[in-house]
Amino acid sequence: MSSDQTLAFETNCHIFDGCGFPAPGLHSFKFEPLFSVGGFDFNKPMLLALLGTVVIVWFFWAAFARAKVVPGKLQMIGEAGYDFVRRGLVYEALGKKEGEKYVPLMVSIFFFVWIMNLWSIIPVAQFPVTSIIAFPAGLAAIVYILWMYLTFKKHGFVGGWKNITGYDKELGGILPMIVVIEFFSNVIIRPFTHAVRLFANMFAGHLLLLMFTIGTWYLLNGIGIVYAGASFVMTILLTAFELFIQAVQAYVFVLLACNYVQGALAEHH
């Protein structure tokens, strides 16, 4: 439960009671340290990220530690998830031969992002870790570094910059403009948009859920009960919609990562 929800419920604040609506805002994404270990402070998002990592590792370990020709239920689910990312994302972007080596990384990123998003609707947790910009930025940085490394490894120093900037003599007089645009687009804007796309969706989704959840409680007084019912329905609908968006954002994040790797490995013309 978020601090906003806790405050609203503990103070028993309702409409017509003379208290204002405890609207969510930027403060809804700030968490005080829960404890410190070796000088490092741990707050709720950090613990959820660690717990999510443990859940993912446990799941795949339990699913594949003793893999069988005829899979059990857990192995079947694990294989379906793994195969979805491998065939639906990696193979589609990179091909089977070139993409196989990147499957473990992309599967890891997909399920990590998904579980970080999923915490938003899990009771008690109720917070999407990816709504804290540091987490999407860290993941985007991993993809960005991999993309730059593969680009220069594949094409060399000069060829790498040609690949990044879209250098092509056939462009003639517009070549300088294209080079500048491609440089800023790929080197500066690309990692920013990769991170912000995930962050912004989870940030906005969490704010909406908070708004209607708190609103439901706040309106439970007098005639406001009618509006509380409408707010509750919206909370249910938004939760279902958020489930869809959480999976889509994990998909899009990995799809873009695969496309960036494909661009790094593509032959420059």
Protein backbone atom coordinates (compact mmCIF):
# COMPACT_ATOMS: atom_id res chain seq x y z
CA MET A 1 0.00 0.00 0.00
CA SER A 2 1.37 3.42 -0.93
CA SER A 3 1.93 6.24 1.57
CA ASP A 4 -1.01 8.13 0.01
CA GLN A 5 -3.40 5.23 0.54
CA THR A 6 -2.14 4.63 4.07
CA LEU A 7 -2.60 8.31 4.95
CA ALA A 8 -6.13 8.40 3.53
CA PHE A 9 -7.23 5.24 5.34
CA GLU A 10 -5.52 5.98 8.66
CA THR A 11 -6.91 9.51 8.92
CA ASN A 12 -10.37 8.24 7.86
CA CYS A 13 -10.63 11.24 5.56
CA HIS A 14 -13.88 11.47 3.57
CA ILE A 15 -15.66 14.08 1.52
CA PHE A 16 -17.90 16.47 3.52
CA ASP A 17 -15.72 15.86 6.61
CA GLY A 18 -13.88 19.11 6.09
CA CYS A 19 -10.65 17.47 4.98
CA GLY A 20 -9.13 17.86 1.54
CA PHE A 21 -8.59 15.09 -0.98
CA PRO A 22 -5.14 13.51 -0.37
CA ALA A 23 -4.17 13.65 -4.03
CA PRO A 24 -1.22 11.56 -5.21
CA GLY A 25 1.78 13.29 -6.74
CA LEU A 26 5.55 13.15 -6.94
CA HIS A 27 5.65 12.39 -3.22
CA SER A 28 3.95 9.08 -4.04
CA PHE A 29 7.20 7.89 -5.61
CA LYS A 30 9.51 8.83 -2.75
CA PHE A 31 10.29 6.22 -0.11
CA GLU A 32 12.28 6.53 3.08
CA PRO A 33 14.99 3.91 3.74
CA LEU A 34 13.67 0.87 5.58
CA PHE A 35 17.08 -0.30 6.77
CA SER A 36 20.78 -0.02 5.98
CA VAL A 37 23.36 -2.70 5.24
CA GLY A 38 27.04 -1.79 5.09
CA GLY A 39 26.22 1.89 4.66
CA PHE A 40 23.72 1.24 1.84
CA ASP A 41 20.12 2.28 2.44
CA PHE A 42 17.37 0.01 1.17
CA ASN A 43 13.89 1.32 0.45
CA LYS A 44 10.73 -0.34 -0.84
CA PRO A 45 11.48 -0.15 -4.62
CA MET A 46 14.96 -1.60 -4.07
CA LEU A 47 13.55 -4.48 -2.02
CA LEU A 48 10.91 -5.17 -4.65
CA ALA A 49 13.60 -5.23 -7.35
CA LEU A 50 15.67 -7.68 -5.30
CA LEU A 51 12.64 -9.82 -4.52
CA GLY A 52 11.63 -9.79 -8.19
CA THR A 53 15.11 -10.98 -9.17
CA VAL A 54 14.89 -13.81 -6.66
CA VAL A 55 11.44 -14.81 -7.96
CA ILE A 56 12.65 -14.92 -11.58
CA VAL A 57 15.79 -16.91 -10.75
CA TRP A 58 13.79 -19.32 -8.58
CA PHE A 59 11.13 -19.83 -11.24
CA PHE A 60 13.52 -20.68 -14.08
CA TRP A 61 15.68 -22.77 -11.78
CA ALA A 62 12.65 -24.76 -10.63
CA ALA A 63 11.37 -25.06 -14.20
CA PHE A 64 14.60 -26.23 -15.85
CA ALA A 65 16.86 -27.66 -13.14
CA ARG A 66 15.50 -31.12 -13.86
CA ALA A 67 14.11 -30.67 -17.35
CA LYS A 68 12.19 -33.65 -18.75
CA VAL A 69 11.32 -34.72 -22.28
CA VAL A 70 7.67 -34.66 -21.24
CA PRO A 71 7.53 -31.35 -19.31
CA GLY A 72 5.60 -30.81 -16.13
CA LYS A 73 3.36 -27.78 -15.62
CA LEU A 74 6.13 -25.47 -14.34
CA GLN A 75 8.55 -26.50 -17.08
CA MET A 76 5.80 -26.05 -19.69
CA ILE A 77 5.12 -22.50 -18.50
CA GLY A 78 8.85 -21.72 -18.44
CA GLU A 79 9.35 -23.11 -21.93
CA ALA A 80 6.37 -21.13 -23.24
CA GLY A 81 7.73 -17.87 -21.79
CA TYR A 82 11.27 -18.54 -22.98
CA ASP A 83 10.10 -19.56 -26.45
CA PHE A 84 7.85 -16.51 -26.72
CA VAL A 85 10.81 -14.16 -26.32
CA ARG A 86 13.17 -16.31 -28.38
CA ARG A 87 10.93 -16.82 -31.42
CA GLY A 88 8.61 -13.82 -31.16
CA LEU A 89 11.26 -11.19 -30.49
CA VAL A 90 14.87 -12.30 -30.92
CA TYR A 91 14.52 -14.55 -33.97
CA GLU A 92 12.19 -12.09 -35.68
CA ALA A 93 14.71 -9.25 -35.33
CA LEU A 94 18.05 -11.07 -35.59
CA GLY A 95 17.33 -14.39 -37.21
CA LYS A 96 17.85 -17.81 -35.65
CA LYS A 97 21.57 -18.18 -36.30
CA GLU A 98 22.67 -14.69 -35.21
CA GLY A 99 20.06 -14.21 -32.51
CA GLU A 100 20.54 -17.39 -30.47
CA LYS A 101 23.47 -15.96 -28.50
CA TYR A 102 21.35 -12.99 -27.37
CA VAL A 103 18.32 -15.01 -26.25
CA PRO A 104 19.40 -15.41 -22.57
CA LEU A 105 19.95 -11.65 -22.19
CA MET A 106 16.66 -10.70 -23.83
CA VAL A 107 14.70 -13.30 -21.86
CA SER A 108 16.23 -11.97 -18.64
CA ILE A 109 15.41 -8.37 -19.49
CA PHE A 110 11.85 -9.22 -20.54
CA PHE A 111 10.92 -11.07 -17.37
CA PHE A 112 12.75 -8.61 -15.13
CA VAL A 113 10.87 -5.65 -16.64
CA TRP A 114 7.59 -7.56 -16.53
CA ILE A 115 7.85 -8.53 -12.87
CA MET A 116 8.99 -5.00 -11.94
CA ASN A 117 5.86 -3.68 -13.66
CA LEU A 118 3.66 -6.37 -12.16
CA TRP A 119 4.40 -5.31 -8.57
CA SER A 120 1.98 -2.44 -9.20
CA ILE A 121 -1.06 -4.68 -8.78
CA ILE A 122 0.31 -7.18 -6.25
CA PRO A 123 -1.29 -6.69 -2.80
CA VAL A 124 1.03 -5.16 -0.18
CA ALA A 125 3.67 -4.31 -2.81
CA GLN A 126 1.40 -2.10 -4.95
CA PHE A 127 4.19 -0.19 -6.63
CA PRO A 128 5.75 -0.53 -10.11
CA VAL A 129 9.51 -0.41 -9.64
CA THR A 130 9.99 0.82 -13.20
CA SER A 131 8.15 4.05 -12.29
CA ILE A 132 11.44 5.06 -10.66
CA ILE A 133 13.51 6.34 -13.60
CA ALA A 134 16.78 4.86 -12.28
CA PHE A 135 15.63 1.30 -13.05
CA PRO A 136 14.60 1.82 -16.70
CA ALA A 137 17.68 4.01 -17.18
CA GLY A 138 19.94 1.25 -15.87
CA LEU A 139 18.38 -1.33 -18.20
CA ALA A 140 18.53 1.07 -21.16
CA ALA A 141 22.21 1.71 -20.37
CA ILE A 142 22.94 -2.04 -20.60
CA VAL A 143 21.32 -2.19 -24.03
CA TYR A 144 23.06 1.03 -25.13
CA ILE A 145 26.51 -0.21 -24.12
CA LEU A 146 25.87 -3.53 -25.88
CA TRP A 147 24.73 -1.71 -29.02
CA MET A 148 27.82 0.55 -29.09
CA TYR A 149 30.16 -2.37 -28.41
CA LEU A 150 28.68 -4.52 -31.18
CA THR A 151 28.64 -1.61 -33.63
CA PHE A 152 32.37 -0.89 -33.31
CA LYS A 153 33.30 -4.56 -33.03
CA LYS A 154 31.44 -5.35 -36.24
CA HIS A 155 32.42 -2.33 -38.33
CA GLY A 156 35.59 -0.99 -36.77
CA PHE A 157 36.09 2.58 -35.53
CA VAL A 158 35.44 4.44 -38.77
CA GLY A 159 32.80 2.03 -40.03
CA GLY A 160 31.08 2.13 -36.65
CA TRP A 161 30.60 5.88 -36.81
CA LYS A 162 29.37 5.58 -40.37
CA ASN A 163 26.82 3.03 -39.20
CA ILE A 164 25.72 5.23 -36.29
CA THR A 165 25.48 8.45 -38.32
CA GLY A 166 24.01 6.95 -41.50
CA TYR A 167 26.95 8.20 -43.54
CA ASP A 168 26.40 7.66 -47.25
CA LYS A 169 28.12 9.68 -49.99
CA GLU A 170 25.13 9.18 -52.27
CA LEU A 171 23.13 11.54 -50.06
CA GLY A 172 25.02 14.43 -51.60
CA GLY A 173 24.35 17.91 -50.19
CA ILE A 174 22.07 16.76 -47.39
CA LEU A 175 24.73 14.40 -45.99
CA PRO A 176 25.96 16.82 -43.23
CA MET A 177 22.39 17.35 -42.01
CA ILE A 178 21.65 13.61 -42.01
CA VAL A 179 24.87 12.86 -40.12
CA VAL A 180 24.05 15.42 -37.41
CA ILE A 181 20.45 14.24 -37.06
CA GLU A 182 21.41 10.55 -36.94
CA PHE A 183 24.20 11.23 -34.44
CA PHE A 184 21.92 12.99 -31.97
CA SER A 185 19.09 10.52 -32.61
CA ASN A 186 21.20 7.40 -32.03
CA VAL A 187 23.85 8.49 -29.55
CA ILE A 188 21.87 10.83 -27.31
CA ILE A 189 18.11 10.51 -27.86
CA ARG A 190 17.90 6.73 -28.34
CA PRO A 191 18.88 5.63 -24.78
CA PHE A 192 16.79 8.46 -23.32
CA THR A 193 13.60 7.48 -25.16
CA HIS A 194 14.23 3.78 -24.51
CA ALA A 195 14.20 4.43 -20.77
CA VAL A 196 11.51 7.12 -20.67
CA ARG A 197 8.98 5.10 -22.70
CA LEU A 198 8.89 2.44 -19.99
CA PHE A 199 9.18 4.86 -17.08
CA ALA A 200 6.45 7.25 -18.27
CA ASN A 201 3.89 4.50 -18.87
CA MET A 202 4.41 2.95 -15.45
CA PHE A 203 4.52 6.33 -13.73
CA ALA A 204 1.25 7.48 -15.31
CA GLY A 205 -0.45 4.14 -14.73
CA HIS A 206 0.42 4.12 -11.05
CA LEU A 207 -0.83 7.70 -10.61
CA LEU A 208 -4.17 6.78 -12.18
CA LEU A 209 -4.58 3.72 -9.99
CA LEU A 210 -3.74 5.78 -6.90
CA MET A 211 -6.15 8.53 -7.91
CA PHE A 212 -9.16 6.22 -8.24
CA THR A 213 -8.24 3.97 -5.30
CA ILE A 214 -7.91 6.88 -2.92
CA GLY A 215 -10.93 8.55 -4.54
CA THR A 216 -13.07 5.49 -3.80
CA TRP A 217 -12.28 5.72 -0.10
CA TYR A 218 -12.55 9.52 0.03
CA LEU A 219 -16.03 9.54 -1.52
CA LEU A 220 -17.50 6.99 0.93
CA ASN A 221 -19.68 9.50 2.74
CA GLY A 222 -23.29 10.55 2.18
CA ILE A 223 -24.25 11.06 -1.44
CA GLY A 224 -20.61 10.62 -2.34
CA ILE A 225 -21.12 6.83 -2.08
CA VAL A 226 -22.65 6.89 -5.58
CA TYR A 227 -19.48 8.41 -6.97
CA ALA A 228 -17.37 6.06 -4.86
CA GLY A 229 -19.00 3.15 -6.70
CA ALA A 230 -18.06 4.68 -10.06
CA SER A 231 -14.53 5.29 -8.83
CA PHE A 232 -14.26 1.68 -7.66
CA VAL A 233 -15.37 0.41 -11.07
CA MET A 234 -12.71 2.59 -12.69
CA THR A 235 -10.13 1.14 -10.31
CA ILE A 236 -11.02 -2.40 -11.42
CA LEU A 237 -10.98 -1.46 -15.10
CA LEU A 238 -7.67 0.37 -14.79
CA THR A 239 -6.13 -2.57 -12.95
CA ALA A 240 -7.11 -4.87 -15.81
CA PHE A 241 -5.81 -2.36 -18.34
CA GLU A 242 -2.59 -2.00 -16.36
CA LEU A 243 -2.06 -5.76 -16.57
CA PHE A 244 -2.11 -5.44 -20.35
CA ILE A 245 0.17 -2.37 -20.41
CA GLN A 246 2.70 -4.03 -18.10
CA ALA A 247 3.18 -6.93 -20.50
CA VAL A 248 3.19 -4.64 -23.55
CA GLN A 249 5.89 -2.41 -22.08
CA ALA A 250 8.12 -5.39 -21.33
CA TYR A 251 7.55 -6.57 -24.92
CA VAL A 252 8.30 -3.16 -26.44
CA PHE A 253 11.43 -2.64 -24.32
CA VAL A 254 12.92 -5.95 -25.49
CA LEU A 255 11.72 -5.47 -29.07
CA LEU A 256 13.60 -2.18 -29.24
CA ALA A 257 16.66 -3.80 -27.65
CA CYS A 258 16.61 -6.50 -30.34
CA ASN A 259 16.23 -3.91 -33.09
CA TYR A 260 19.20 -1.95 -31.73
CA VAL A 261 21.35 -5.08 -31.75
CA GLN A 262 20.17 -5.87 -35.27
CA GLY A 263 21.14 -2.36 -36.38
CA ALA A 264 24.59 -2.77 -34.86
CA LEU A 265 25.17 -6.02 -36.75
CA ALA A 266 23.69 -4.89 -40.06
CA GLU A 267 26.04 -4.27 -42.95
CA HIS A 268 26.60 -0.57 -43.68
CA HIS A 269 25.86 0.51 -47.25
